[in-house]
């Protein structure tokens, strides 16, 4: 996904207590998950590198533990998973609608 809806009120209500470094880490983690459409890797050191915060692994760990949970696939967040599913659902729906519209145009010409 190269775009996701960002609800400022939701974000602020869930993350308003974070210090600036934690806030940056969290936003970068969100962006990475949406861009790659997958959970963050299991390895905290690797995550810190991916979000350009190599020197702040303790901060990365703290944010992960607060907002994500570890699965076999990596660090996952339910809201991100739901948003990605919704995004793919909309794409599929638009594709079906486009194909149906093209078919109607072809049939109208016949």
N, C-alpha and C. Protein backbone atom coordinates (compact mmCIF):
# COMPACT_ATOMS: atom_id res chain seq x y z
N UNK A 1 0.85 -1.17 0.00
CA UNK A 1 0.00 0.00 0.00
C UNK A 1 0.90 1.23 0.00
N UNK A 2 0.59 2.14 -0.88
CA UNK A 2 1.35 3.39 -0.90
C UNK A 2 0.54 4.52 -0.29
N UNK A 3 -0.63 4.18 0.21
CA UNK A 3 -1.51 5.16 0.86
C UNK A 3 -2.30 4.44 1.93
N UNK A 4 -2.49 5.09 3.05
CA UNK A 4 -3.43 4.59 4.05
C UNK A 4 -4.07 5.78 4.75
N UNK A 5 -5.29 5.59 5.16
CA UNK A 5 -6.01 6.65 5.85
C UNK A 5 -5.42 6.80 7.24
N UNK A 6 -5.12 8.03 7.60
CA UNK A 6 -4.52 8.30 8.90
C UNK A 6 -5.51 9.14 9.71
N UNK A 7 -6.05 8.54 10.76
CA UNK A 7 -7.01 9.23 11.61
C UNK A 7 -6.25 9.89 12.76
N UNK A 8 -6.12 11.20 12.68
CA UNK A 8 -5.32 11.94 13.66
C UNK A 8 -5.87 11.76 15.07
N UNK A 9 -7.18 11.80 15.22
CA UNK A 9 -7.78 11.65 16.54
C UNK A 9 -7.49 10.30 17.16
N UNK A 10 -7.65 9.23 16.38
CA UNK A 10 -7.34 7.89 16.88
C UNK A 10 -5.87 7.78 17.28
N UNK A 11 -5.01 8.28 16.39
CA UNK A 11 -3.58 8.19 16.67
C UNK A 11 -3.24 8.94 17.95
N UNK A 12 -3.74 10.15 18.07
CA UNK A 12 -3.44 10.97 19.23
C UNK A 12 -3.98 10.35 20.52
N UNK A 13 -5.18 9.77 20.45
CA UNK A 13 -5.75 9.18 21.67
C UNK A 13 -4.98 7.94 22.12
N UNK A 14 -4.34 7.24 21.19
CA UNK A 14 -3.60 6.03 21.55
C UNK A 14 -2.12 6.28 21.80
N UNK A 15 -1.59 7.38 21.26
CA UNK A 15 -0.14 7.57 21.33
C UNK A 15 0.27 8.92 21.92
N UNK A 16 -0.67 9.69 22.42
CA UNK A 16 -0.36 11.02 22.95
C UNK A 16 0.61 11.01 24.12
N UNK A 17 0.74 9.88 24.78
CA UNK A 17 1.64 9.77 25.93
C UNK A 17 3.09 9.48 25.54
N UNK A 18 3.33 9.19 24.26
CA UNK A 18 4.68 8.82 23.83
C UNK A 18 5.61 10.03 23.82
N UNK A 19 6.88 9.78 24.12
CA UNK A 19 7.85 10.86 23.97
C UNK A 19 8.19 10.98 22.48
N UNK A 20 8.86 12.05 22.07
CA UNK A 20 9.10 12.25 20.63
C UNK A 20 9.78 11.09 19.92
N UNK A 21 10.77 10.47 20.57
CA UNK A 21 11.47 9.35 19.93
C UNK A 21 10.55 8.13 19.78
N UNK A 22 9.74 7.86 20.78
CA UNK A 22 8.78 6.75 20.68
C UNK A 22 7.75 7.03 19.59
N UNK A 23 7.32 8.27 19.49
CA UNK A 23 6.35 8.66 18.47
C UNK A 23 6.92 8.43 17.07
N UNK A 24 8.16 8.84 16.86
CA UNK A 24 8.81 8.64 15.56
C UNK A 24 8.91 7.14 15.26
N UNK A 25 9.33 6.36 16.24
CA UNK A 25 9.46 4.91 16.04
C UNK A 25 8.12 4.30 15.66
N UNK A 26 7.08 4.68 16.37
CA UNK A 26 5.76 4.12 16.10
C UNK A 26 5.27 4.47 14.70
N UNK A 27 5.38 5.74 14.32
CA UNK A 27 4.95 6.14 12.98
C UNK A 27 5.74 5.42 11.90
N UNK A 28 7.02 5.27 12.10
CA UNK A 28 7.84 4.57 11.09
C UNK A 28 7.48 3.09 11.02
N UNK A 29 7.16 2.50 12.16
CA UNK A 29 6.73 1.10 12.15
C UNK A 29 5.40 0.96 11.40
N UNK A 30 4.47 1.86 11.67
CA UNK A 30 3.19 1.83 10.96
C UNK A 30 3.42 1.95 9.46
N UNK A 31 4.20 2.94 9.07
CA UNK A 31 4.47 3.16 7.65
C UNK A 31 5.10 1.94 7.00
N UNK A 32 6.06 1.31 7.69
CA UNK A 32 6.73 0.14 7.13
C UNK A 32 5.73 -1.00 6.91
N UNK A 33 4.89 -1.24 7.91
CA UNK A 33 3.91 -2.33 7.80
C UNK A 33 2.93 -2.08 6.65
N UNK A 34 2.44 -0.86 6.52
CA UNK A 34 1.52 -0.56 5.44
C UNK A 34 2.21 -0.64 4.08
N UNK A 35 3.41 -0.11 3.98
CA UNK A 35 4.12 -0.13 2.71
C UNK A 35 4.42 -1.55 2.24
N UNK A 36 4.81 -2.41 3.17
CA UNK A 36 5.19 -3.78 2.82
C UNK A 36 4.05 -4.78 2.99
N UNK A 37 2.94 -4.32 3.58
CA UNK A 37 1.75 -5.16 3.78
C UNK A 37 2.08 -6.46 4.50
N UNK A 38 2.87 -6.36 5.55
CA UNK A 38 3.23 -7.52 6.34
C UNK A 38 3.66 -7.08 7.73
N UNK A 39 3.70 -8.03 8.67
CA UNK A 39 4.17 -7.69 10.01
C UNK A 39 5.65 -7.31 10.00
N UNK A 40 6.07 -6.62 11.02
CA UNK A 40 7.49 -6.32 11.19
C UNK A 40 8.23 -7.62 11.47
N UNK A 41 9.52 -7.70 11.11
CA UNK A 41 10.28 -8.92 11.40
C UNK A 41 10.36 -9.21 12.90
N UNK A 42 10.72 -10.41 13.26
CA UNK A 42 10.83 -10.81 14.67
C UNK A 42 11.97 -10.09 15.40
N UNK A 43 13.04 -9.78 14.70
CA UNK A 43 14.27 -9.27 15.29
C UNK A 43 14.21 -7.75 15.52
N UNK A 44 14.32 -7.34 16.77
CA UNK A 44 14.24 -5.92 17.12
C UNK A 44 15.39 -5.14 16.49
N UNK A 45 16.56 -5.72 16.44
CA UNK A 45 17.70 -5.04 15.81
C UNK A 45 17.42 -4.79 14.33
N UNK A 46 16.83 -5.74 13.67
CA UNK A 46 16.49 -5.58 12.25
C UNK A 46 15.43 -4.50 12.07
N UNK A 47 14.44 -4.48 12.94
CA UNK A 47 13.40 -3.46 12.87
C UNK A 47 14.01 -2.08 13.06
N UNK A 48 14.87 -1.95 14.04
CA UNK A 48 15.52 -0.66 14.29
C UNK A 48 16.27 -0.18 13.05
N UNK A 49 16.90 -1.10 12.36
CA UNK A 49 17.61 -0.75 11.13
C UNK A 49 16.62 -0.34 10.04
N UNK A 50 15.53 -1.10 9.89
CA UNK A 50 14.54 -0.81 8.85
C UNK A 50 13.89 0.56 9.01
N UNK A 51 13.72 0.99 10.27
CA UNK A 51 13.05 2.28 10.50
C UNK A 51 14.07 3.39 10.80
N UNK A 52 15.34 3.11 10.53
CA UNK A 52 16.41 4.09 10.66
C UNK A 52 16.58 4.60 12.09
N UNK A 53 16.53 3.67 13.04
CA UNK A 53 16.70 4.01 14.46
C UNK A 53 17.62 3.00 15.13
N UNK A 54 18.74 2.69 14.49
CA UNK A 54 19.68 1.67 14.97
C UNK A 54 20.16 1.93 16.40
N UNK A 55 20.35 3.19 16.75
CA UNK A 55 20.87 3.52 18.07
C UNK A 55 19.79 3.56 19.15
N UNK A 56 18.56 3.24 18.79
CA UNK A 56 17.44 3.37 19.72
C UNK A 56 16.66 2.07 19.85
N UNK A 57 17.37 0.96 19.97
CA UNK A 57 16.71 -0.34 20.03
C UNK A 57 15.82 -0.50 21.26
N UNK A 58 16.18 0.11 22.35
CA UNK A 58 15.35 0.02 23.56
C UNK A 58 14.01 0.71 23.31
N UNK A 59 14.03 1.84 22.63
CA UNK A 59 12.80 2.56 22.30
C UNK A 59 11.95 1.71 21.36
N UNK A 60 12.58 1.13 20.36
CA UNK A 60 11.88 0.27 19.40
C UNK A 60 11.22 -0.89 20.15
N UNK A 61 11.95 -1.53 21.04
CA UNK A 61 11.41 -2.64 21.83
C UNK A 61 10.21 -2.20 22.66
N UNK A 62 10.31 -1.05 23.31
CA UNK A 62 9.21 -0.56 24.15
C UNK A 62 7.95 -0.29 23.33
N UNK A 63 8.12 0.31 22.17
CA UNK A 63 6.97 0.61 21.30
C UNK A 63 6.36 -0.69 20.77
N UNK A 64 7.19 -1.61 20.36
CA UNK A 64 6.68 -2.91 19.90
C UNK A 64 5.84 -3.57 20.98
N UNK A 65 6.37 -3.61 22.18
CA UNK A 65 5.66 -4.28 23.28
C UNK A 65 4.35 -3.59 23.64
N UNK A 66 4.26 -2.30 23.39
CA UNK A 66 3.02 -1.59 23.71
C UNK A 66 1.96 -1.71 22.62
N UNK A 67 2.37 -1.67 21.36
CA UNK A 67 1.40 -1.55 20.27
C UNK A 67 1.29 -2.77 19.35
N UNK A 68 2.20 -3.70 19.45
CA UNK A 68 2.22 -4.87 18.56
C UNK A 68 2.28 -6.13 19.42
N UNK A 69 2.02 -7.27 18.79
CA UNK A 69 2.24 -8.54 19.48
C UNK A 69 2.97 -9.48 18.53
N UNK A 70 3.79 -10.33 19.12
CA UNK A 70 4.66 -11.21 18.35
C UNK A 70 3.90 -12.47 17.92
N UNK A 71 3.97 -12.76 16.61
CA UNK A 71 3.40 -13.98 16.05
C UNK A 71 4.52 -14.75 15.36
N UNK A 72 4.19 -15.90 14.78
CA UNK A 72 5.18 -16.66 14.02
C UNK A 72 5.66 -15.89 12.80
N UNK A 73 4.82 -14.99 12.28
CA UNK A 73 5.17 -14.21 11.10
C UNK A 73 5.93 -12.93 11.44
N UNK A 74 5.90 -12.51 12.69
CA UNK A 74 6.57 -11.28 13.09
C UNK A 74 5.70 -10.47 14.03
N UNK A 75 6.07 -9.19 14.22
CA UNK A 75 5.31 -8.29 15.09
C UNK A 75 4.10 -7.78 14.34
N UNK A 76 2.93 -8.07 14.85
CA UNK A 76 1.66 -7.82 14.16
C UNK A 76 0.82 -6.84 14.96
N UNK A 77 0.02 -6.06 14.24
CA UNK A 77 -0.97 -5.19 14.87
C UNK A 77 -2.30 -5.42 14.17
N UNK A 78 -3.33 -5.71 14.92
CA UNK A 78 -4.64 -6.06 14.36
C UNK A 78 -5.18 -4.98 13.45
N UNK A 79 -5.11 -3.72 13.86
CA UNK A 79 -5.67 -2.64 13.05
C UNK A 79 -5.02 -2.57 11.67
N UNK A 80 -3.72 -2.73 11.63
CA UNK A 80 -3.02 -2.71 10.34
C UNK A 80 -3.52 -3.85 9.47
N UNK A 81 -3.63 -5.04 10.03
CA UNK A 81 -4.13 -6.19 9.27
C UNK A 81 -5.51 -5.95 8.72
N UNK A 82 -6.38 -5.37 9.54
CA UNK A 82 -7.75 -5.07 9.09
C UNK A 82 -7.76 -4.04 7.98
N UNK A 83 -6.95 -3.00 8.10
CA UNK A 83 -6.90 -1.96 7.07
C UNK A 83 -6.37 -2.51 5.75
N UNK A 84 -5.38 -3.38 5.81
CA UNK A 84 -4.83 -3.97 4.59
C UNK A 84 -5.87 -4.87 3.93
N UNK A 85 -6.60 -5.66 4.72
CA UNK A 85 -7.67 -6.50 4.16
C UNK A 85 -8.75 -5.64 3.50
N UNK A 86 -9.12 -4.55 4.17
CA UNK A 86 -10.13 -3.64 3.62
C UNK A 86 -9.65 -3.02 2.31
N UNK A 87 -8.40 -2.63 2.26
CA UNK A 87 -7.79 -2.06 1.05
C UNK A 87 -7.87 -3.06 -0.12
N UNK A 88 -7.48 -4.30 0.15
CA UNK A 88 -7.52 -5.31 -0.91
C UNK A 88 -8.95 -5.62 -1.33
N UNK A 89 -9.87 -5.59 -0.40
CA UNK A 89 -11.28 -5.81 -0.71
C UNK A 89 -11.79 -4.72 -1.65
N UNK A 90 -11.43 -3.47 -1.38
CA UNK A 90 -11.85 -2.37 -2.25
C UNK A 90 -11.26 -2.49 -3.64
N UNK A 91 -10.00 -2.91 -3.73
CA UNK A 91 -9.36 -3.10 -5.04
C UNK A 91 -10.08 -4.19 -5.82
N UNK A 92 -10.39 -5.30 -5.15
CA UNK A 92 -11.08 -6.41 -5.81
C UNK A 92 -12.48 -5.98 -6.27
N UNK A 93 -13.17 -5.24 -5.43
CA UNK A 93 -14.50 -4.75 -5.79
C UNK A 93 -14.43 -3.82 -6.99
N UNK A 94 -13.48 -2.92 -7.01
CA UNK A 94 -13.32 -1.99 -8.13
C UNK A 94 -12.96 -2.75 -9.40
N UNK A 95 -12.15 -3.77 -9.28
CA UNK A 95 -11.77 -4.58 -10.44
C UNK A 95 -12.99 -5.30 -11.03
N UNK A 96 -13.80 -5.89 -10.14
CA UNK A 96 -15.01 -6.58 -10.62
C UNK A 96 -15.96 -5.58 -11.30
N UNK A 97 -16.10 -4.40 -10.71
CA UNK A 97 -16.99 -3.39 -11.29
C UNK A 97 -16.46 -2.94 -12.64
N UNK A 98 -15.16 -2.76 -12.77
CA UNK A 98 -14.57 -2.36 -14.04
C UNK A 98 -14.77 -3.42 -15.11
N UNK A 99 -14.59 -4.68 -14.75
CA UNK A 99 -14.78 -5.77 -15.71
C UNK A 99 -16.24 -5.86 -16.13
N UNK A 100 -17.16 -5.70 -15.19
CA UNK A 100 -18.58 -5.75 -15.52
C UNK A 100 -18.95 -4.59 -16.44
N UNK A 101 -18.41 -3.42 -16.20
CA UNK A 101 -18.69 -2.25 -17.03
C UNK A 101 -18.16 -2.47 -18.45
N UNK A 102 -16.96 -3.01 -18.57
CA UNK A 102 -16.39 -3.28 -19.89
C UNK A 102 -17.23 -4.31 -20.63
N UNK A 103 -17.68 -5.32 -19.92
CA UNK A 103 -18.51 -6.36 -20.53
C UNK A 103 -19.83 -5.77 -21.03
N UNK A 104 -20.43 -4.87 -20.23
CA UNK A 104 -21.68 -4.22 -20.66
C UNK A 104 -21.46 -3.38 -21.93
N UNK A 105 -20.34 -2.68 -22.00
CA UNK A 105 -20.04 -1.87 -23.19
C UNK A 105 -19.87 -2.76 -24.41
N UNK A 106 -19.16 -3.89 -24.23
CA UNK A 106 -18.95 -4.81 -25.35
C UNK A 106 -20.28 -5.39 -25.80
N UNK A 107 -21.13 -5.77 -24.87
CA UNK A 107 -22.43 -6.35 -25.20
C UNK A 107 -23.33 -5.32 -25.86
N UNK A 108 -23.21 -4.05 -25.47
CA UNK A 108 -24.04 -2.99 -26.06
C UNK A 108 -23.66 -2.75 -27.51
N UNK A 109 -22.41 -2.96 -27.85
CA UNK A 109 -21.95 -2.78 -29.24
C UNK A 109 -22.42 -3.91 -30.15
N UNK A 110 -22.67 -5.06 -29.57
CA UNK A 110 -23.04 -6.24 -30.38
C UNK A 110 -24.41 -6.13 -30.96
